[in-house]
């Protein structure tokens, strides 16, 4: 009901009663009930005027695609690898897609798996480009996709990613794992893929070992965003037209109650417990001193952080806002 009509009806209702009737408590109650019903009708008719506006802070031009790292997954039994991050981004206006690539394999294989998904999403939804955000090995995997199909990628953001070796000052961190625990790596990789509903994805620890031992060759093939000097920022806008960003934590152990801290160890150079600060630099370095370890960077395990540490979920939302401001 239009508000003007509502006002007229209330006036007519008031004038209908004589002065003596207006002083009657029963009459006043009747008027109150009628006015309430009229206001309710108007409220229903104009409900759209009072609908809260959906937040748009993270509403990027192109969809955001989250790419997991080594031993990673999209979700297992409802538990996100990027814990609580997709939901927060969507709540703030972003279109979010979560990639699923092999838990254990090299970046050529994982990158091709990612490209296949991007093309499927493009065909199904009409997306023209994507903003890739990769954690750990998800970073080089995203760089592979951008190197092979730059026209499909608007930006690549890498978080705690091993772009160069050594890793966190522990030169043989990945090498030792792959050399001494090949069977364990294969078993865990297959278990993760099975538990996340992707048992068809191949596991190849030998291919991963080859990549980890020769990142220089990978970087020579996909140099876009590479820093000119170690630890420094590289070009944000690369020659292939893709925008590159990176960030990392620099603390190995952050919360004694977090079981993931048991897997982290400080090295002889600043690191997040696995990936060195300098190794993680690629494109525009947003920040390389977050008080996070490698798991904190994706809000794991279950959001356990060090005291006073910034919220990783907010970091991803802020990065989406940065992409939005850049027209991406």
C-alpha atoms as a PDB file:
ATOM      1  CA  UNK A   1       0.000   0.000   0.000  1.00  0.00           C
ATOM      2  CA  UNK A   2       1.488   3.424  -0.922  1.00  0.00           C
ATOM      3  CA  UNK A   3       2.413   5.520   2.096  1.00  0.00           C
ATOM      4  CA  UNK A   4       0.237   8.446   0.929  1.00  0.00           C
ATOM      5  CA  UNK A   5      -2.809   6.147   0.773  1.00  0.00           C
ATOM      6  CA  UNK A   6      -1.962   4.878   4.260  1.00  0.00           C
ATOM      7  CA  UNK A   7      -1.974   8.441   5.637  1.00  0.00           C
ATOM      8  CA  UNK A   8      -5.328   9.224   4.007  1.00  0.00           C
ATOM      9  CA  UNK A   9      -6.902   6.028   5.365  1.00  0.00           C
ATOM     10  CA  UNK A  10      -5.781   6.790   8.901  1.00  0.00           C
ATOM     11  CA  UNK A  11      -7.222  10.325   8.667  1.00  0.00           C
ATOM     12  CA  UNK A  12     -10.526   9.010   7.306  1.00  0.00           C
ATOM     13  CA  UNK A  13     -10.628   6.398  10.055  1.00  0.00           C
ATOM     14  CA  UNK A  14     -10.074   9.103  12.668  1.00  0.00           C
ATOM     15  CA  UNK A  15     -12.750  11.407  11.219  1.00  0.00           C
ATOM     16  CA  UNK A  16     -15.291   8.593  11.102  1.00  0.00           C
ATOM     17  CA  UNK A  17     -15.643   8.657  14.864  1.00  0.00           C
ATOM     18  CA  UNK A  18     -17.483  11.505  16.673  1.00  0.00           C
ATOM     19  CA  UNK A  19     -15.590  13.444  19.379  1.00  0.00           C
ATOM     20  CA  UNK A  20     -17.364  11.518  22.128  1.00  0.00           C
ATOM     21  CA  UNK A  21     -16.559   8.198  20.455  1.00  0.00           C
ATOM     22  CA  UNK A  22     -12.903   9.156  20.212  1.00  0.00           C
ATOM     23  CA  UNK A  23     -12.631   9.397  23.992  1.00  0.00           C
ATOM     24  CA  UNK A  24     -13.990   5.874  24.442  1.00  0.00           C
ATOM     25  CA  UNK A  25     -11.256   3.372  25.371  1.00  0.00           C
ATOM     26  CA  UNK A  26     -12.896   0.723  23.209  1.00  0.00           C
ATOM     27  CA  UNK A  27     -12.957   3.062  20.243  1.00  0.00           C
ATOM     28  CA  UNK A  28      -9.313   4.043  20.783  1.00  0.00           C
ATOM     29  CA  UNK A  29      -8.382   0.357  20.874  1.00  0.00           C
ATOM     30  CA  UNK A  30     -10.215  -0.234  17.612  1.00  0.00           C
ATOM     31  CA  UNK A  31      -8.406   2.671  15.997  1.00  0.00           C
ATOM     32  CA  UNK A  32      -5.062   1.340  17.224  1.00  0.00           C
ATOM     33  CA  UNK A  33      -5.744  -2.143  15.826  1.00  0.00           C
ATOM     34  CA  UNK A  34      -6.839  -0.758  12.478  1.00  0.00           C
ATOM     35  CA  UNK A  35      -3.821   1.511  12.231  1.00  0.00           C
ATOM     36  CA  UNK A  36      -1.521  -1.418  13.057  1.00  0.00           C
ATOM     37  CA  UNK A  37      -3.067  -3.537  10.305  1.00  0.00           C
ATOM     38  CA  UNK A  38      -2.708  -0.701   7.815  1.00  0.00           C
ATOM     39  CA  UNK A  39       0.923  -0.141   8.784  1.00  0.00           C
ATOM     40  CA  UNK A  40       1.587  -3.896   8.475  1.00  0.00           C
ATOM     41  CA  UNK A  41       0.185  -3.888   4.956  1.00  0.00           C
ATOM     42  CA  UNK A  42       2.365  -0.943   4.046  1.00  0.00           C
ATOM     43  CA  UNK A  43       5.414  -2.605   5.566  1.00  0.00           C
ATOM     44  CA  UNK A  44       4.789  -5.750   3.549  1.00  0.00           C
ATOM     45  CA  UNK A  45       4.252  -3.779   0.354  1.00  0.00           C
ATOM     46  CA  UNK A  46       7.453  -1.822   0.885  1.00  0.00           C
ATOM     47  CA  UNK A  47       9.605  -4.598   2.340  1.00  0.00           C
ATOM     48  CA  UNK A  48      12.177  -4.013  -0.374  1.00  0.00           C
ATOM     49  CA  UNK A  49      12.864  -0.547   1.031  1.00  0.00           C
ATOM     50  CA  UNK A  50      14.218  -2.090   4.227  1.00  0.00           C
ATOM     51  CA  UNK A  51      16.208  -5.035   2.807  1.00  0.00           C
ATOM     52  CA  UNK A  52      19.816  -4.837   4.068  1.00  0.00           C
ATOM     53  CA  UNK A  53      22.379  -4.234   1.344  1.00  0.00           C
ATOM     54  CA  UNK A  54      24.687  -7.205   0.755  1.00  0.00           C
ATOM     55  CA  UNK A  55      28.358  -6.351   1.442  1.00  0.00           C
ATOM     56  CA  UNK A  56      30.411  -5.917  -1.723  1.00  0.00           C
ATOM     57  CA  UNK A  57      33.917  -5.443  -0.302  1.00  0.00           C
ATOM     58  CA  UNK A  58      35.182  -8.645  -1.965  1.00  0.00           C
ATOM     59  CA  UNK A  59      33.086  -8.423  -5.143  1.00  0.00           C
ATOM     60  CA  UNK A  60      35.824  -8.747  -7.742  1.00  0.00           C
ATOM     61  CA  UNK A  61      35.206  -8.401 -11.459  1.00  0.00           C
ATOM     62  CA  UNK A  62      36.446 -11.936 -12.102  1.00  0.00           C
ATOM     63  CA  UNK A  63      35.836 -15.042  -9.951  1.00  0.00           C
ATOM     64  CA  UNK A  64      38.381 -15.965  -7.295  1.00  0.00           C
ATOM     65  CA  UNK A  65      39.815 -19.475  -7.554  1.00  0.00           C
ATOM     66  CA  UNK A  66      41.516 -20.945  -4.470  1.00  0.00           C
ATOM     67  CA  UNK A  67      44.295 -23.457  -5.228  1.00  0.00           C
ATOM     68  CA  UNK A  68      45.558 -25.755  -2.449  1.00  0.00           C
ATOM     69  CA  UNK A  69      49.105 -26.879  -1.799  1.00  0.00           C
ATOM     70  CA  UNK A  70      50.969 -30.158  -1.298  1.00  0.00           C
ATOM     71  CA  UNK A  71      48.846 -32.750   0.523  1.00  0.00           C
ATOM     72  CA  UNK A  72      45.946 -30.352   0.113  1.00  0.00           C
ATOM     73  CA  UNK A  73      42.284 -30.763  -0.801  1.00  0.00           C
ATOM     74  CA  UNK A  74      39.194 -28.717  -1.558  1.00  0.00           C
ATOM     75  CA  UNK A  75      37.317 -30.021   1.469  1.00  0.00           C
ATOM     76  CA  UNK A  76      37.054 -33.216   3.488  1.00  0.00           C
ATOM     77  CA  UNK A  77      33.776 -33.895   5.293  1.00  0.00           C
ATOM     78  CA  UNK A  78      32.902 -30.212   5.099  1.00  0.00           C
ATOM     79  CA  UNK A  79      36.290 -29.019   6.393  1.00  0.00           C
ATOM     80  CA  UNK A  80      37.829 -26.492   3.999  1.00  0.00           C
ATOM     81  CA  UNK A  81      41.557 -26.492   3.290  1.00  0.00           C
ATOM     82  CA  UNK A  82      41.161 -22.695   3.183  1.00  0.00           C
ATOM     83  CA  UNK A  83      39.338 -22.814   6.519  1.00  0.00           C
ATOM     84  CA  UNK A  84      36.316 -20.455   6.607  1.00  0.00           C
ATOM     85  CA  UNK A  85      37.812 -18.365   3.802  1.00  0.00           C
ATOM     86  CA  UNK A  86      35.455 -19.229   0.888  1.00  0.00           C
ATOM     87  CA  UNK A  87      32.368 -18.522   3.023  1.00  0.00           C
ATOM     88  CA  UNK A  88      33.695 -15.158   4.174  1.00  0.00           C
ATOM     89  CA  UNK A  89      34.593 -14.097   0.636  1.00  0.00           C
ATOM     90  CA  UNK A  90      31.150 -15.076  -0.643  1.00  0.00           C
ATOM     91  CA  UNK A  91      29.450 -13.270   2.239  1.00  0.00           C
ATOM     92  CA  UNK A  92      31.281 -10.142   1.134  1.00  0.00           C
ATOM     93  CA  UNK A  93      30.252 -10.383  -2.492  1.00  0.00           C
ATOM     94  CA  UNK A  94      32.892 -12.542  -4.167  1.00  0.00           C
ATOM     95  CA  UNK A  95      32.278 -15.390  -6.572  1.00  0.00           C
ATOM     96  CA  UNK A  96      34.540 -18.140  -5.226  1.00  0.00           C
ATOM     97  CA  UNK A  97      35.556 -21.400  -6.861  1.00  0.00           C
ATOM     98  CA  UNK A  98      37.752 -23.991  -5.133  1.00  0.00           C
ATOM     99  CA  UNK A  99      40.085 -25.985  -7.343  1.00  0.00           C
ATOM    100  CA  UNK A 100      40.997 -29.602  -6.750  1.00  0.00           C
ATOM    101  CA  UNK A 101      44.331 -30.826  -8.034  1.00  0.00           C
ATOM    102  CA  UNK A 102      46.489 -33.817  -7.116  1.00  0.00           C
ATOM    103  CA  UNK A 103      47.623 -33.844  -3.510  1.00  0.00           C
ATOM    104  CA  UNK A 104      51.091 -35.035  -4.587  1.00  0.00           C
ATOM    105  CA  UNK A 105      52.412 -34.249  -8.055  1.00  0.00           C
ATOM    106  CA  UNK A 106      54.491 -31.689  -9.919  1.00  0.00           C
ATOM    107  CA  UNK A 107      53.200 -28.357 -11.171  1.00  0.00           C
ATOM    108  CA  UNK A 108      52.863 -29.356 -14.809  1.00  0.00           C
ATOM    109  CA  UNK A 109      50.343 -32.049 -13.893  1.00  0.00           C
ATOM    110  CA  UNK A 110      48.615 -29.971 -11.255  1.00  0.00           C
ATOM    111  CA  UNK A 111      48.616 -26.943 -13.546  1.00  0.00           C
ATOM    112  CA  UNK A 112      46.955 -28.860 -16.362  1.00  0.00           C
ATOM    113  CA  UNK A 113      44.324 -30.126 -13.910  1.00  0.00           C
ATOM    114  CA  UNK A 114      43.689 -26.531 -12.844  1.00  0.00           C
ATOM    115  CA  UNK A 115      43.437 -25.318 -16.437  1.00  0.00           C
ATOM    116  CA  UNK A 116      40.925 -28.044 -17.217  1.00  0.00           C
ATOM    117  CA  UNK A 117      38.697 -26.865 -14.362  1.00  0.00           C
ATOM    118  CA  UNK A 118      39.024 -23.211 -15.385  1.00  0.00           C
ATOM    119  CA  UNK A 119      37.935 -24.018 -18.929  1.00  0.00           C
ATOM    120  CA  UNK A 120      35.012 -26.081 -17.647  1.00  0.00           C
ATOM    121  CA  UNK A 121      33.867 -23.187 -15.424  1.00  0.00           C
ATOM    122  CA  UNK A 122      34.316 -20.813 -18.326  1.00  0.00           C
ATOM    123  CA  UNK A 123      32.164 -22.942 -20.610  1.00  0.00           C
ATOM    124  CA  UNK A 124      29.473 -23.491 -17.979  1.00  0.00           C
ATOM    125  CA  UNK A 125      29.239 -19.948 -16.587  1.00  0.00           C
ATOM    126  CA  UNK A 126      30.708 -17.712 -19.256  1.00  0.00           C
ATOM    127  CA  UNK A 127      33.564 -16.431 -17.091  1.00  0.00           C
ATOM    128  CA  UNK A 128      36.206 -14.660 -19.164  1.00  0.00           C
ATOM    129  CA  UNK A 129      39.067 -14.571 -16.649  1.00  0.00           C
ATOM    130  CA  UNK A 130      39.946 -15.723 -13.140  1.00  0.00           C
ATOM    131  CA  UNK A 131      41.844 -14.430 -10.091  1.00  0.00           C
ATOM    132  CA  UNK A 132      43.965 -17.313  -8.802  1.00  0.00           C
ATOM    133  CA  UNK A 133      45.017 -17.451  -5.140  1.00  0.00           C
ATOM    134  CA  UNK A 134      47.369 -20.325  -4.349  1.00  0.00           C
ATOM    135  CA  UNK A 135      48.783 -21.445  -1.035  1.00  0.00           C
ATOM    136  CA  UNK A 136      52.096 -23.297  -0.786  1.00  0.00           C
ATOM    137  CA  UNK A 137      52.522 -25.431  -3.940  1.00  0.00           C
ATOM    138  CA  UNK A 138      49.245 -23.939  -5.123  1.00  0.00           C
ATOM    139  CA  UNK A 139      51.251 -20.812  -5.960  1.00  0.00           C
ATOM    140  CA  UNK A 140      53.566 -22.367  -8.569  1.00  0.00           C
ATOM    141  CA  UNK A 141      50.606 -24.411  -9.815  1.00  0.00           C
ATOM    142  CA  UNK A 142      48.725 -21.166 -10.446  1.00  0.00           C
ATOM    143  CA  UNK A 143      51.799 -19.672 -12.120  1.00  0.00           C
ATOM    144  CA  UNK A 144      51.869 -22.627 -14.507  1.00  0.00           C
ATOM    145  CA  UNK A 145      48.262 -21.965 -15.508  1.00  0.00           C
ATOM    146  CA  UNK A 146      49.000 -18.265 -16.016  1.00  0.00           C
ATOM    147  CA  UNK A 147      52.080 -19.110 -18.067  1.00  0.00           C
ATOM    148  CA  UNK A 148      50.248 -21.516 -20.358  1.00  0.00           C
ATOM    149  CA  UNK A 149      47.002 -19.521 -20.717  1.00  0.00           C
ATOM    150  CA  UNK A 150      47.648 -15.903 -19.669  1.00  0.00           C
ATOM    151  CA  UNK A 151      44.522 -14.705 -21.470  1.00  0.00           C
ATOM    152  CA  UNK A 152      42.466 -16.722 -19.014  1.00  0.00           C
ATOM    153  CA  UNK A 153      44.088 -15.312 -15.860  1.00  0.00           C
ATOM    154  CA  UNK A 154      43.608 -11.805 -14.451  1.00  0.00           C
ATOM    155  CA  UNK A 155      45.859 -12.187 -11.406  1.00  0.00           C
ATOM    156  CA  UNK A 156      47.901 -14.669  -9.378  1.00  0.00           C
ATOM    157  CA  UNK A 157      48.324 -14.257  -5.627  1.00  0.00           C
ATOM    158  CA  UNK A 158      50.676 -16.685  -3.905  1.00  0.00           C
ATOM    159  CA  UNK A 159      50.745 -17.238  -0.138  1.00  0.00           C
ATOM    160  CA  UNK A 160      53.638 -19.052   1.528  1.00  0.00           C
ATOM    161  CA  UNK A 161      54.670 -20.541  -1.822  1.00  0.00           C
ATOM    162  CA  UNK A 162      58.080 -22.151  -2.506  1.00  0.00           C
ATOM    163  CA  UNK A 163      59.103 -20.327  -5.661  1.00  0.00           C
ATOM    164  CA  UNK A 164      62.750 -21.137  -5.042  1.00  0.00           C
ATOM    165  CA  UNK A 165      64.680 -23.737  -3.068  1.00  0.00           C
ATOM    166  CA  UNK A 166      66.015 -24.040  -0.357  1.00  0.00           C
ATOM    167  CA  UNK A 167      62.893 -24.145   1.740  1.00  0.00           C
ATOM    168  CA  UNK A 168      62.954 -22.209   4.993  1.00  0.00           C
ATOM    169  CA  UNK A 169      66.698 -22.697   5.436  1.00  0.00           C
ATOM    170  CA  UNK A 170      66.120 -26.431   5.731  1.00  0.00           C
ATOM    171  CA  UNK A 171      67.685 -27.190   2.385  1.00  0.00           C
ATOM    172  CA  UNK A 172      66.523 -30.776   2.322  1.00  0.00           C
ATOM    173  CA  UNK A 173      63.040 -30.265   3.834  1.00  0.00           C
ATOM    174  CA  UNK A 174      61.147 -31.537   0.814  1.00  0.00           C
ATOM    175  CA  UNK A 175      64.016 -33.634  -0.485  1.00  0.00           C
ATOM    176  CA  UNK A 176      64.371 -35.547   2.788  1.00  0.00           C
ATOM    177  CA  UNK A 177      60.641 -36.186   2.913  1.00  0.00           C
ATOM    178  CA  UNK A 178      60.559 -37.510  -0.634  1.00  0.00           C
ATOM    179  CA  UNK A 179      63.815 -39.479  -0.446  1.00  0.00           C
ATOM    180  CA  UNK A 180      63.234 -41.149   2.908  1.00  0.00           C
ATOM    181  CA  UNK A 181      59.479 -41.447   3.058  1.00  0.00           C
ATOM    182  CA  UNK A 182      58.398 -42.119  -0.520  1.00  0.00           C
ATOM    183  CA  UNK A 183      55.908 -44.791   0.515  1.00  0.00           C
ATOM    184  CA  UNK A 184      54.431 -42.559   3.208  1.00  0.00           C
ATOM    185  CA  UNK A 185      54.095 -39.624   0.805  1.00  0.00           C
ATOM    186  CA  UNK A 186      52.342 -41.758  -1.784  1.00  0.00           C
ATOM    187  CA  UNK A 187      50.033 -43.318   0.789  1.00  0.00           C
ATOM    188  CA  UNK A 188      49.064 -39.968   2.319  1.00  0.00           C
ATOM    189  CA  UNK A 189      48.567 -38.379  -1.084  1.00  0.00           C
ATOM    190  CA  UNK A 190      46.225 -41.146  -2.187  1.00  0.00           C
ATOM    191  CA  UNK A 191      44.428 -41.036   1.165  1.00  0.00           C
ATOM    192  CA  UNK A 192      43.824 -37.283   0.909  1.00  0.00           C
ATOM    193  CA  UNK A 193      42.535 -37.542  -2.654  1.00  0.00           C
ATOM    194  CA  UNK A 194      40.265 -40.438  -1.696  1.00  0.00           C
ATOM    195  CA  UNK A 195      38.908 -38.698   1.412  1.00  0.00           C
ATOM    196  CA  UNK A 196      38.122 -35.556  -0.579  1.00  0.00           C
ATOM    197  CA  UNK A 197      36.273 -37.543  -3.237  1.00  0.00           C
ATOM    198  CA  UNK A 198      38.953 -37.314  -5.939  1.00  0.00           C
ATOM    199  CA  UNK A 199      40.587 -40.744  -5.920  1.00  0.00           C
ATOM    200  CA  UNK A 200      40.943 -40.546  -9.699  1.00  0.00           C
ATOM    201  CA  UNK A 201      43.656 -37.877  -9.470  1.00  0.00           C
ATOM    202  CA  UNK A 202      47.183 -39.233  -9.988  1.00  0.00           C
ATOM    203  CA  UNK A 203      49.842 -39.181  -7.254  1.00  0.00           C
ATOM    204  CA  UNK A 204      53.479 -38.956  -8.371  1.00  0.00           C
ATOM    205  CA  UNK A 205      56.064 -38.194  -5.698  1.00  0.00           C
ATOM    206  CA  UNK A 206      58.930 -38.672  -8.175  1.00  0.00           C
ATOM    207  CA  UNK A 207      57.640 -35.840 -10.366  1.00  0.00           C
ATOM    208  CA  UNK A 208      57.273 -33.607  -7.302  1.00  0.00           C
ATOM    209  CA  UNK A 209      60.825 -34.445  -6.223  1.00  0.00           C
ATOM    210  CA  UNK A 210      62.153 -33.545  -9.665  1.00  0.00           C
ATOM    211  CA  UNK A 211      60.419 -30.169  -9.507  1.00  0.00           C
ATOM    212  CA  UNK A 212      61.551 -29.442  -5.946  1.00  0.00           C
ATOM    213  CA  UNK A 213      65.157 -30.100  -6.921  1.00  0.00           C
ATOM    214  CA  UNK A 214      65.076 -27.878  -9.993  1.00  0.00           C
ATOM    215  CA  UNK A 215      62.850 -24.867  -9.421  1.00  0.00           C
ATOM    216  CA  UNK A 216      65.282 -22.804 -11.521  1.00  0.00           C
ATOM    217  CA  UNK A 217      64.178 -24.652 -14.659  1.00  0.00           C
ATOM    218  CA  UNK A 218      60.514 -24.113 -13.775  1.00  0.00           C
ATOM    219  CA  UNK A 219      61.135 -20.413 -13.175  1.00  0.00           C
ATOM    220  CA  UNK A 220      62.947 -20.116 -16.493  1.00  0.00           C
ATOM    221  CA  UNK A 221      59.845 -21.467 -18.226  1.00  0.00           C
ATOM    222  CA  UNK A 222      57.468 -19.251 -16.255  1.00  0.00           C
ATOM    223  CA  UNK A 223      59.381 -16.099 -15.276  1.00  0.00           C
ATOM    224  CA  UNK A 224      56.427 -13.667 -15.150  1.00  0.00           C
ATOM    225  CA  UNK A 225      56.513 -11.827 -11.816  1.00  0.00           C
ATOM    226  CA  UNK A 226      60.022 -12.985 -10.888  1.00  0.00           C
ATOM    227  CA  UNK A 227      61.981 -10.613  -8.608  1.00  0.00           C
ATOM    228  CA  UNK A 228      65.177  -9.201 -10.088  1.00  0.00           C
ATOM    229  CA  UNK A 229      66.932  -9.780  -6.763  1.00  0.00           C
ATOM    230  CA  UNK A 230      66.190 -12.354  -4.043  1.00  0.00           C
ATOM    231  CA  UNK A 231      63.645 -11.394  -1.369  1.00  0.00           C
ATOM    232  CA  UNK A 232      62.528  -8.296  -3.287  1.00  0.00           C
ATOM    233  CA  UNK A 233      59.283  -7.553  -5.095  1.00  0.00           C
ATOM    234  CA  UNK A 234      59.018  -8.455  -8.723  1.00  0.00           C
ATOM    235  CA  UNK A 235      56.861  -6.590 -11.229  1.00  0.00           C
ATOM    236  CA  UNK A 236      53.196  -6.507 -10.230  1.00  0.00           C
ATOM    237  CA  UNK A 237      51.978  -6.326 -13.834  1.00  0.00           C
ATOM    238  CA  UNK A 238      54.016  -8.839 -15.794  1.00  0.00           C
ATOM    239  CA  UNK A 239      54.741  -8.872 -19.512  1.00  0.00           C
ATOM    240  CA  UNK A 240      52.098 -11.557 -20.035  1.00  0.00           C
ATOM    241  CA  UNK A 241      49.388  -9.159 -18.820  1.00  0.00           C
ATOM    242  CA  UNK A 242      48.821 -10.997 -15.518  1.00  0.00           C
ATOM    243  CA  UNK A 243      49.100  -9.190 -12.173  1.00  0.00           C
ATOM    244  CA  UNK A 244      51.169 -11.003  -9.528  1.00  0.00           C
ATOM    245  CA  UNK A 245      51.141 -10.633  -5.725  1.00  0.00           C
ATOM    246  CA  UNK A 246      52.681 -12.605  -2.873  1.00  0.00           C
ATOM    247  CA  UNK A 247      52.621 -12.757   0.926  1.00  0.00           C
ATOM    248  CA  UNK A 248      53.956 -15.035   3.637  1.00  0.00           C
ATOM    249  CA  UNK A 249      54.305 -15.602   7.338  1.00  0.00           C
ATOM    250  CA  UNK A 250      57.692 -15.617   9.090  1.00  0.00           C
ATOM    251  CA  UNK A 251      57.114 -17.525  12.343  1.00  0.00           C
ATOM    252  CA  UNK A 252      57.519 -21.296  12.662  1.00  0.00           C
ATOM    253  CA  UNK A 253      55.630 -21.985  15.885  1.00  0.00           C
ATOM    254  CA  UNK A 254      52.712 -19.787  16.870  1.00  0.00           C
ATOM    255  CA  UNK A 255      50.322 -21.660  19.170  1.00  0.00           C
ATOM    256  CA  UNK A 256      51.215 -24.483  21.560  1.00  0.00           C
ATOM    257  CA  UNK A 257      47.657 -25.831  21.265  1.00  0.00           C
ATOM    258  CA  UNK A 258      47.893 -26.128  17.486  1.00  0.00           C
ATOM    259  CA  UNK A 259      48.946 -29.671  16.448  1.00  0.00           C
ATOM    260  CA  UNK A 260      50.275 -28.323  13.149  1.00  0.00           C
ATOM    261  CA  UNK A 261      53.028 -26.525  15.063  1.00  0.00           C
ATOM    262  CA  UNK A 262      54.635 -29.919  15.664  1.00  0.00           C
ATOM    263  CA  UNK A 263      55.375 -30.127  11.942  1.00  0.00           C
ATOM    264  CA  UNK A 264      57.019 -26.707  11.816  1.00  0.00           C
ATOM    265  CA  UNK A 265      60.642 -25.975  12.671  1.00  0.00           C
ATOM    266  CA  UNK A 266      62.693 -22.798  12.581  1.00  0.00           C
ATOM    267  CA  UNK A 267      65.565 -22.799  10.105  1.00  0.00           C
ATOM    268  CA  UNK A 268      68.643 -20.668   9.695  1.00  0.00           C
ATOM    269  CA  UNK A 269      66.722 -18.071   7.640  1.00  0.00           C
ATOM    270  CA  UNK A 270      63.340 -16.429   8.348  1.00  0.00           C
ATOM    271  CA  UNK A 271      60.530 -18.753   7.332  1.00  0.00           C
ATOM    272  CA  UNK A 272      56.965 -19.802   8.081  1.00  0.00           C
ATOM    273  CA  UNK A 273      58.316 -23.103   9.354  1.00  0.00           C
ATOM    274  CA  UNK A 274      58.494 -24.617   5.887  1.00  0.00           C
ATOM    275  CA  UNK A 275      58.911 -21.946   3.213  1.00  0.00           C
ATOM    276  CA  UNK A 276      61.573 -19.258   3.517  1.00  0.00           C
ATOM    277  CA  UNK A 277      60.549 -15.616   3.391  1.00  0.00           C
ATOM    278  CA  UNK A 278      62.791 -15.031   0.362  1.00  0.00           C
ATOM    279  CA  UNK A 279      61.484 -18.166  -1.372  1.00  0.00           C
ATOM    280  CA  UNK A 280      57.938 -16.834  -1.110  1.00  0.00           C
ATOM    281  CA  UNK A 281      58.640 -13.496  -2.837  1.00  0.00           C
ATOM    282  CA  UNK A 282      56.990 -13.225  -6.265  1.00  0.00           C
ATOM    283  CA  UNK A 283      55.383 -10.262  -7.995  1.00  0.00           C
ATOM    284  CA  UNK A 284      54.394  -7.412  -5.672  1.00  0.00           C
ATOM    285  CA  UNK A 285      55.206  -8.518  -2.131  1.00  0.00           C
ATOM    286  CA  UNK A 286      52.262  -7.423  -0.007  1.00  0.00           C
ATOM    287  CA  UNK A 287      53.855  -8.409   3.273  1.00  0.00           C
ATOM    288  CA  UNK A 288      56.493 -10.961   4.268  1.00  0.00           C
ATOM    289  CA  UNK A 289      56.324 -10.679   8.036  1.00  0.00           C
ATOM    290  CA  UNK A 290      52.898 -11.933   9.052  1.00  0.00           C
ATOM    291  CA  UNK A 291      53.214 -13.664  12.450  1.00  0.00           C
ATOM    292  CA  UNK A 292      51.885 -16.878  10.929  1.00  0.00           C
ATOM    293  CA  UNK A 293      53.340 -20.281  10.174  1.00  0.00           C
ATOM    294  CA  UNK A 294      52.630 -22.294   7.038  1.00  0.00           C
ATOM    295  CA  UNK A 295      49.280 -23.602   8.298  1.00  0.00           C
ATOM    296  CA  UNK A 296      48.159 -20.306   9.811  1.00  0.00           C
ATOM    297  CA  UNK A 297      48.306 -18.830   6.309  1.00  0.00           C
ATOM    298  CA  UNK A 298      45.125 -20.741   5.435  1.00  0.00           C
ATOM    299  CA  UNK A 299      43.582 -20.388   8.918  1.00  0.00           C
ATOM    300  CA  UNK A 300      44.461 -23.955   9.915  1.00  0.00           C
ATOM    301  CA  UNK A 301      44.174 -25.871  12.115  1.00  0.00           C
ATOM    302  CA  UNK A 302      40.575 -24.744  12.785  1.00  0.00           C
ATOM    303  CA  UNK A 303      41.561 -21.121  13.170  1.00  0.00           C
ATOM    304  CA  UNK A 304      44.138 -21.576  15.954  1.00  0.00           C
ATOM    305  CA  UNK A 305      46.459 -18.550  15.776  1.00  0.00           C
ATOM    306  CA  UNK A 306      49.195 -17.020  17.829  1.00  0.00           C
ATOM    307  CA  UNK A 307      48.192 -14.423  20.393  1.00  0.00           C
ATOM    308  CA  UNK A 308      47.497 -11.091  18.731  1.00  0.00           C
ATOM    309  CA  UNK A 309      48.059 -12.427  15.210  1.00  0.00           C
ATOM    310  CA  UNK A 310      45.963 -10.854  12.450  1.00  0.00           C
ATOM    311  CA  UNK A 311      43.059 -12.860  11.105  1.00  0.00           C
ATOM    312  CA  UNK A 312      44.045 -14.787   7.939  1.00  0.00           C
ATOM    313  CA  UNK A 313      40.403 -14.773   6.803  1.00  0.00           C
ATOM    314  CA  UNK A 314      40.515 -10.967   6.781  1.00  0.00           C
ATOM    315  CA  UNK A 315      43.711 -11.091   4.691  1.00  0.00           C
ATOM    316  CA  UNK A 316      41.940 -12.906   1.855  1.00  0.00           C
ATOM    317  CA  UNK A 317      38.998 -10.497   2.032  1.00  0.00           C
ATOM    318  CA  UNK A 318      41.383  -7.536   1.910  1.00  0.00           C
ATOM    319  CA  UNK A 319      43.196  -9.046  -1.054  1.00  0.00           C
ATOM    320  CA  UNK A 320      39.869  -9.435  -2.838  1.00  0.00           C
ATOM    321  CA  UNK A 321      39.177  -5.760  -2.094  1.00  0.00           C
ATOM    322  CA  UNK A 322      42.571  -4.896  -3.600  1.00  0.00           C
ATOM    323  CA  UNK A 323      41.754  -6.874  -6.736  1.00  0.00           C
ATOM    324  CA  UNK A 324      38.374  -5.174  -6.944  1.00  0.00           C
ATOM    325  CA  UNK A 325      39.965  -1.724  -6.641  1.00  0.00           C
ATOM    326  CA  UNK A 326      42.310  -2.658  -9.501  1.00  0.00           C
ATOM    327  CA  UNK A 327      39.393  -3.611 -11.725  1.00  0.00           C
ATOM    328  CA  UNK A 328      40.153  -7.297 -11.475  1.00  0.00           C
END
